[in-house]
Amino acid sequence: MRNIVILAAFIFLFSCSGRKEHERQTFLIKGNQAFAKGQYEQALRYYNEAIGADSSFTVAYYNKALTQVKLEKPYDAIDTYSSLLEVDPNYSMAYYNRANLYLDVNQYFSALEDLNQLDKVWKDSALLYFGKGLAYTRLKRYDDAIEEFNQSVELGESNALALINLGNIYYYLNKFDTAQSLLQKGLTLDSTQANGYNTMGLIDTKKQDYELAKHNFDKALRLEPRNAWFLNNKGFVYLQQNQLDSAEYFINESIKIDPYNGWAYRNKGLWEIKNDNPAKALELLKRAYEMDGSIDNILIDLASTYHKMGENDKACDLLRNGKSEEVVNLKKAYCL
């Protein structure tokens, strides 16, 4: 989901316009010209001048927010859309684009609030249901997400993206055959969707078909060579095959690109275990757990490493509230 980048323009008759009208329009035109040339800082200055000339000029607010997105200032853009909506509470594209930004900064309930504002005016738009599907997915409300994505597919727009996102959800639910079927349908419609190949690779990894997994991750990486998640996933496959040099390369590349991905630190910790360095592994696994406690098997990996380091008390503290069969078995082994 992305902000829809359509620069707004404002047409007026010079014979009927006053000085204020002429001034704000001049700044808007200059801002749009700078934006078209990729001169975003300059465009931002012109849009601010236009707003200074007329604080109710919604077109300038809208284009200013688009410029702030280009400058990678999502919070500033959110504030600008909020200012626009104070002037015009019915500006539907502002709600949609602000919802998109809320998703980017992990404010999922706020995104849903904005999308709900569009229920009446966008009730026949696949974009609305697609956006809600993304928000519900991030909130792990998978049944709601499936319903929204199915509605998006039925409306006949962005079918490929909706199908791939449905496939992702069924992957999260461990319904791999259904996930693969949906992903294949989505990729048939649009073979440029890298996330589809990535999820196919994840399913292959779960099925321990590591060569096919690497094949799918390679397809994803051909489309997005610097995607940290894809690189990390390929590194994990090499790790499972005990090809440690290749595993280290891909995991390290992933961390260089995105140093905030707990899954990559989990994989680097597993790499250290295979290299018989439990102390370093413990440091990395603790970091991964602090970043994201929902990482696959992180409790097991971390508790096992505490045990290997002779720190059974810490292992037992970690396992205390776990209920999976593997956790229960470890508690029996370490804590009784």
Protein backbone atom coordinates (compact mmCIF):
# COMPACT_ATOMS: atom_id res chain seq x y z
CA MET A 1 0.00 0.00 0.00
CA ARG A 2 1.42 3.35 -1.02
CA ASN A 3 0.37 6.99 -0.91
CA ILE A 4 -1.35 7.88 -4.15
CA VAL A 5 0.88 10.54 -5.66
CA ILE A 6 -1.29 12.80 -7.76
CA LEU A 7 -0.29 16.42 -7.46
CA ALA A 8 -3.36 18.55 -7.05
CA ALA A 9 -3.71 21.65 -9.17
CA PHE A 10 -5.98 24.64 -8.83
CA ILE A 11 -7.37 26.54 -11.77
CA PHE A 12 -8.76 30.04 -11.51
CA LEU A 13 -9.64 33.00 -13.73
CA PHE A 14 -7.21 35.87 -13.40
CA SER A 15 -9.96 38.32 -14.15
CA CYS A 16 -11.85 37.20 -11.03
CA SER A 17 -8.97 36.59 -8.69
CA GLY A 18 -7.54 38.93 -6.18
CA ARG A 19 -3.98 39.44 -5.14
CA LYS A 20 -4.15 36.69 -2.55
CA GLU A 21 -5.49 34.24 -5.09
CA HIS A 22 -2.75 35.08 -7.56
CA GLU A 23 -0.04 34.77 -4.90
CA ARG A 24 -1.07 31.37 -3.61
CA GLN A 25 -1.51 30.01 -7.14
CA THR A 26 1.94 31.23 -8.16
CA PHE A 27 3.58 29.42 -5.24
CA LEU A 28 1.56 26.26 -5.97
CA ILE A 29 2.68 26.19 -9.60
CA LYS A 30 6.32 26.73 -8.61
CA GLY A 31 6.02 23.97 -6.02
CA ASN A 32 4.56 21.56 -8.56
CA GLN A 33 7.34 22.35 -11.04
CA ALA A 34 10.02 21.73 -8.41
CA PHE A 35 8.30 18.48 -7.35
CA ALA A 36 8.23 17.25 -10.96
CA LYS A 37 12.01 17.85 -11.16
CA GLY A 38 12.65 15.95 -7.90
CA GLN A 39 13.63 19.17 -6.11
CA TYR A 40 11.63 18.27 -3.02
CA GLU A 41 13.15 20.68 -0.49
CA GLN A 42 12.46 23.56 -2.86
CA ALA A 43 8.95 22.27 -3.53
CA LEU A 44 8.32 22.15 0.20
CA ARG A 45 9.31 25.79 0.58
CA TYR A 46 6.92 26.86 -2.18
CA TYR A 47 4.02 24.89 -0.70
CA ASN A 48 4.68 26.49 2.68
CA GLU A 49 4.61 29.89 0.98
CA ALA A 50 1.28 28.99 -0.62
CA ILE A 51 -0.14 27.99 2.77
CA GLY A 52 1.26 31.20 4.26
CA ALA A 53 -0.66 33.14 1.66
CA ASP A 54 -3.85 31.20 2.41
CA SER A 55 -4.09 28.92 5.44
CA SER A 56 -7.20 27.25 4.00
CA PHE A 57 -5.51 26.21 0.73
CA THR A 58 -6.15 22.45 0.82
CA VAL A 59 -4.36 21.77 -2.46
CA ALA A 60 -1.10 23.12 -1.02
CA TYR A 61 -1.44 21.03 2.14
CA TYR A 62 -2.02 17.90 0.05
CA ASN A 63 0.99 18.47 -2.19
CA LYS A 64 3.12 19.41 0.81
CA ALA A 65 2.32 16.06 2.44
CA LEU A 66 3.26 14.18 -0.74
CA THR A 67 6.56 16.07 -0.76
CA GLN A 68 7.27 15.16 2.86
CA VAL A 69 6.73 11.50 1.99
CA LYS A 70 9.31 11.86 -0.79
CA LEU A 71 11.67 13.37 1.79
CA GLU A 72 11.05 10.33 4.05
CA LYS A 73 9.37 12.41 6.74
CA PRO A 74 6.25 10.33 7.44
CA TYR A 75 5.38 11.97 10.76
CA ASP A 76 5.57 15.43 9.21
CA ALA A 77 3.32 14.24 6.39
CA ILE A 78 0.81 12.85 8.91
CA ASP A 79 0.71 16.24 10.62
CA THR A 80 0.18 17.99 7.29
CA TYR A 81 -2.71 15.70 6.34
CA SER A 82 -4.19 16.37 9.78
CA SER A 83 -3.99 20.12 9.13
CA LEU A 84 -5.66 19.62 5.75
CA LEU A 85 -8.50 17.63 7.34
CA GLU A 86 -9.08 20.39 9.86
CA VAL A 87 -9.73 22.69 6.90
CA ASP A 88 -11.75 20.13 4.92
CA PRO A 89 -12.98 17.09 6.93
CA ASN A 90 -14.32 15.49 3.73
CA TYR A 91 -11.03 15.31 1.79
CA SER A 92 -11.09 11.55 1.18
CA MET A 93 -7.61 11.17 -0.36
CA ALA A 94 -6.12 12.76 2.75
CA TYR A 95 -7.71 10.05 4.91
CA TYR A 96 -6.46 7.33 2.58
CA ASN A 97 -2.90 8.62 2.35
CA ARG A 98 -2.71 9.32 6.08
CA ALA A 99 -3.92 5.77 6.76
CA ASN A 100 -1.13 4.51 4.53
CA LEU A 101 1.40 6.48 6.55
CA TYR A 102 -0.01 5.21 9.84
CA LEU A 103 0.58 1.68 8.54
CA ASP A 104 4.18 2.60 7.70
CA VAL A 105 4.83 3.84 11.25
CA ASN A 106 3.01 0.90 12.90
CA GLN A 107 0.00 2.87 14.14
CA TYR A 108 -2.53 0.32 12.96
CA PHE A 109 -5.58 1.42 14.92
CA SER A 110 -5.16 4.97 13.64
CA ALA A 111 -4.94 3.59 10.11
CA LEU A 112 -8.22 1.72 10.59
CA GLU A 113 -9.90 4.85 11.96
CA ASP A 114 -8.97 6.75 8.81
CA LEU A 115 -10.05 3.93 6.50
CA ASN A 116 -13.37 3.67 8.32
CA GLN A 117 -13.97 7.33 7.44
CA LEU A 118 -14.09 6.18 3.81
CA ASP A 119 -16.69 3.42 4.27
CA LYS A 120 -19.51 5.36 2.64
CA VAL A 121 -17.73 7.30 -0.07
CA TRP A 122 -15.34 4.48 -1.10
CA LYS A 123 -17.61 1.49 -0.50
CA ASP A 124 -17.01 0.19 -4.05
CA SER A 125 -13.23 0.71 -4.01
CA ALA A 126 -10.90 -2.25 -3.72
CA LEU A 127 -8.25 0.09 -2.26
CA LEU A 128 -10.35 0.60 0.86
CA TYR A 129 -10.70 -3.11 1.57
CA PHE A 130 -7.08 -3.77 0.67
CA GLY A 131 -5.94 -1.14 3.16
CA LYS A 132 -8.12 -2.58 5.89
CA GLY A 133 -6.77 -6.03 5.09
CA LEU A 134 -3.22 -4.78 5.64
CA ALA A 135 -4.14 -3.16 8.95
CA TYR A 136 -5.89 -6.27 10.24
CA THR A 137 -2.96 -8.41 9.13
CA ARG A 138 -0.52 -6.27 11.13
CA LEU A 139 -2.85 -6.58 14.13
CA LYS A 140 -2.91 -10.38 13.61
CA ARG A 141 -6.68 -10.28 13.21
CA TYR A 142 -6.42 -12.75 10.40
CA ASP A 143 -10.11 -13.61 9.98
CA ASP A 144 -10.94 -9.93 9.52
CA ALA A 145 -8.01 -9.51 7.13
CA ILE A 146 -9.14 -12.46 5.01
CA GLU A 147 -12.63 -10.97 4.74
CA GLU A 148 -11.28 -7.59 3.62
CA PHE A 149 -8.84 -9.01 1.06
CA ASN A 150 -11.56 -11.27 -0.37
CA GLN A 151 -13.75 -8.19 -0.79
CA SER A 152 -10.88 -6.45 -2.58
CA VAL A 153 -10.49 -9.41 -4.96
CA GLU A 154 -14.23 -9.47 -5.70
CA LEU A 155 -14.14 -5.81 -6.73
CA GLY A 156 -11.62 -6.69 -9.40
CA GLU A 157 -8.84 -4.22 -8.62
CA SER A 158 -5.31 -5.01 -7.41
CA ASN A 159 -6.17 -8.71 -7.52
CA ALA A 160 -2.55 -9.81 -7.54
CA LEU A 161 -1.65 -7.88 -4.39
CA ALA A 162 -4.78 -9.00 -2.57
CA LEU A 163 -4.19 -12.65 -3.51
CA ILE A 164 -0.56 -12.51 -2.37
CA ASN A 165 -1.56 -10.94 0.92
CA LEU A 166 -4.19 -13.65 1.38
CA GLY A 167 -1.45 -16.18 0.72
CA ASN A 168 0.69 -14.53 3.39
CA ILE A 169 -2.10 -14.83 5.94
CA TYR A 170 -2.64 -18.51 5.23
CA TYR A 171 1.11 -18.97 5.62
CA TYR A 172 0.90 -17.37 9.07
CA LEU A 173 -1.95 -19.81 9.84
CA ASN A 174 0.25 -22.75 8.75
CA LYS A 175 -2.17 -23.61 5.94
CA PHE A 176 0.59 -24.00 3.42
CA ASP A 177 -1.28 -25.64 0.53
CA THR A 178 -3.93 -22.92 0.52
CA ALA A 179 -1.22 -20.28 0.82
CA GLN A 180 0.71 -21.69 -2.15
CA SER A 181 -2.40 -21.83 -4.32
CA LEU A 182 -3.22 -18.16 -3.62
CA LEU A 183 0.37 -17.04 -4.10
CA GLN A 184 0.62 -18.83 -7.44
CA LYS A 185 -2.60 -17.19 -8.62
CA GLY A 186 -1.30 -13.78 -7.58
CA LEU A 187 2.06 -14.29 -9.27
CA THR A 188 0.36 -15.49 -12.45
CA LEU A 189 -1.47 -12.15 -12.56
CA ASP A 190 1.66 -10.15 -11.73
CA SER A 191 5.05 -11.86 -11.82
CA THR A 192 6.81 -8.76 -10.43
CA GLN A 193 5.47 -9.18 -6.88
CA ALA A 194 8.64 -10.03 -4.96
CA ASN A 195 6.80 -10.69 -1.70
CA GLY A 196 4.93 -13.53 -3.37
CA TYR A 197 8.15 -15.35 -4.20
CA ASN A 198 9.47 -14.65 -0.72
CA THR A 199 6.47 -16.26 0.96
CA MET A 200 6.71 -19.21 -1.44
CA GLY A 201 10.30 -19.57 -0.27
CA LEU A 202 9.22 -19.47 3.37
CA ILE A 203 6.73 -22.27 2.74
CA ASP A 204 9.42 -24.32 0.99
CA THR A 205 11.66 -23.74 4.01
CA LYS A 206 8.95 -25.02 6.37
CA LYS A 207 8.66 -28.10 4.15
CA GLN A 208 12.46 -28.48 4.23
CA ASP A 209 12.69 -28.20 0.45
CA TYR A 210 15.71 -25.96 0.71
CA GLU A 211 16.77 -25.90 -2.92
CA LEU A 212 13.32 -24.79 -4.04
CA ALA A 213 13.30 -22.23 -1.22
CA LYS A 214 16.56 -20.72 -2.47
CA HIS A 215 15.15 -20.68 -6.00
CA ASN A 216 12.15 -18.63 -4.84
CA PHE A 217 14.25 -16.31 -2.67
CA ASP A 218 16.49 -15.72 -5.70
CA LYS A 219 13.43 -14.70 -7.73
CA ALA A 220 12.45 -12.28 -4.99
CA LEU A 221 15.98 -10.87 -4.79
CA ARG A 222 16.20 -10.35 -8.55
CA LEU A 223 13.27 -7.99 -8.14
CA GLU A 224 14.48 -6.40 -4.88
CA PRO A 225 18.23 -7.07 -4.49
CA ARG A 226 18.59 -5.04 -1.28
CA ASN A 227 15.58 -6.36 0.60
CA ALA A 228 16.89 -7.23 4.06
CA TRP A 229 14.13 -9.75 4.77
CA PHE A 230 14.74 -11.72 1.59
CA LEU A 231 18.48 -11.80 2.21
CA ASN A 232 17.97 -13.00 5.78
CA ASN A 233 15.56 -15.72 4.68
CA LYS A 234 18.05 -17.02 2.15
CA GLY A 235 20.75 -16.94 4.83
CA PHE A 236 18.54 -19.07 7.09
CA VAL A 237 18.23 -21.72 4.35
CA TYR A 238 22.01 -21.89 4.02
CA LEU A 239 22.16 -22.21 7.80
CA GLN A 240 19.81 -25.20 7.67
CA GLN A 241 22.08 -26.78 5.06
CA ASN A 242 25.17 -26.12 7.22
CA GLN A 243 26.66 -23.96 4.47
CA LEU A 244 27.93 -21.57 7.09
CA ASP A 245 30.02 -19.21 4.96
CA SER A 246 27.09 -18.48 2.65
CA ALA A 247 24.73 -18.21 5.62
CA GLU A 248 26.99 -15.67 7.33
CA TYR A 249 27.25 -13.55 4.19
CA PHE A 250 23.50 -13.23 3.62
CA ILE A 251 22.64 -12.71 7.30
CA ASN A 252 25.31 -10.03 7.68
CA GLU A 253 24.13 -8.27 4.51
CA SER A 254 20.61 -8.26 5.91
CA ILE A 255 21.75 -6.69 9.18
CA LYS A 256 23.75 -4.02 7.33
CA ILE A 257 20.65 -2.96 5.43
CA ASP A 258 18.20 -3.25 8.34
CA PRO A 259 19.80 -3.33 11.80
CA TYR A 260 16.37 -3.46 13.49
CA ASN A 261 15.19 -6.89 12.34
CA GLY A 262 15.11 -9.33 15.24
CA TRP A 263 14.86 -12.31 12.91
CA ALA A 264 18.31 -11.57 11.49
CA TYR A 265 19.84 -11.48 14.97
CA ARG A 266 18.11 -14.77 15.74
CA ASN A 267 19.71 -16.29 12.66
CA LYS A 268 23.11 -14.82 13.53
CA GLY A 269 22.72 -16.34 16.99
CA LEU A 270 21.98 -19.75 15.46
CA TRP A 271 25.04 -19.30 13.26
CA GLU A 272 27.17 -18.70 16.39
CA ILE A 273 25.75 -21.86 17.96
CA LYS A 274 26.79 -23.88 14.92
CA ASN A 275 30.24 -22.32 15.27
CA ASP A 276 30.40 -23.40 18.93
CA ASN A 277 30.30 -19.89 20.35
CA PRO A 278 27.39 -20.02 22.84
CA ALA A 279 28.34 -16.82 24.68
CA LYS A 280 28.07 -14.76 21.49
CA ALA A 281 24.97 -16.69 20.49
CA LEU A 282 23.35 -15.84 23.83
CA GLU A 283 24.01 -12.13 23.31
CA LEU A 284 22.44 -12.20 19.85
CA LEU A 285 19.44 -14.34 20.81
CA LYS A 286 18.68 -12.08 23.79
CA ARG A 287 18.78 -9.09 21.46
CA ALA A 288 16.43 -10.83 19.02
CA TYR A 289 14.00 -11.75 21.81
CA GLU A 290 13.95 -8.18 23.14
CA MET A 291 13.23 -6.88 19.63
CA ASP A 292 10.49 -9.37 18.80
CA GLY A 293 9.28 -12.03 21.22
CA SER A 294 7.14 -13.65 18.51
CA ILE A 295 10.09 -14.91 16.42
CA ASP A 296 9.78 -18.60 15.60
CA ASN A 297 11.31 -20.82 18.31
CA ILE A 298 13.06 -17.90 19.99
CA LEU A 299 12.12 -19.13 23.48
CA ILE A 300 13.46 -22.59 22.69
CA ASP A 301 16.68 -21.28 21.15
CA LEU A 302 17.34 -18.83 23.95
CA ALA A 303 16.50 -21.25 26.78
CA SER A 304 18.64 -23.97 25.20
CA THR A 305 21.56 -21.56 24.99
CA TYR A 306 21.14 -20.52 28.64
CA HIS A 307 21.20 -24.23 29.51
CA LYS A 308 24.36 -24.76 27.47
CA MET A 309 25.96 -21.86 29.38
CA GLY A 310 25.00 -23.47 32.73
CA GLU A 311 22.36 -20.81 33.49
CA ASN A 312 19.38 -23.08 34.11
CA ASP A 313 17.63 -20.58 36.39
CA LYS A 314 17.43 -18.07 33.55
CA ALA A 315 16.29 -20.77 31.16
CA CYS A 316 13.49 -21.77 33.53
CA ASP A 317 12.42 -18.17 34.11
CA LEU A 318 12.15 -17.74 30.37
CA LEU A 319 10.13 -20.92 29.89
CA ARG A 320 7.79 -20.40 32.84
CA ASN A 321 4.79 -19.11 30.88
CA GLY A 322 5.31 -21.06 27.66
CA LYS A 323 2.70 -23.67 26.79
CA SER A 324 3.83 -25.31 23.55
CA GLU A 325 4.79 -28.96 23.59
CA GLU A 326 8.45 -28.13 22.98
CA VAL A 327 8.52 -25.62 25.84
CA VAL A 328 6.84 -28.09 28.21
CA ASN A 329 9.43 -30.74 27.29
CA LEU A 330 12.29 -28.31 27.92
CA LYS A 331 10.82 -27.36 31.30
CA LYS A 332 10.77 -31.05 32.22
CA ALA A 333 14.38 -31.42 31.13
CA TYR A 334 15.78 -28.22 32.68
CA CYS A 335 13.55 -27.23 35.56
CA LEU A 336 12.41 -30.32 37.50
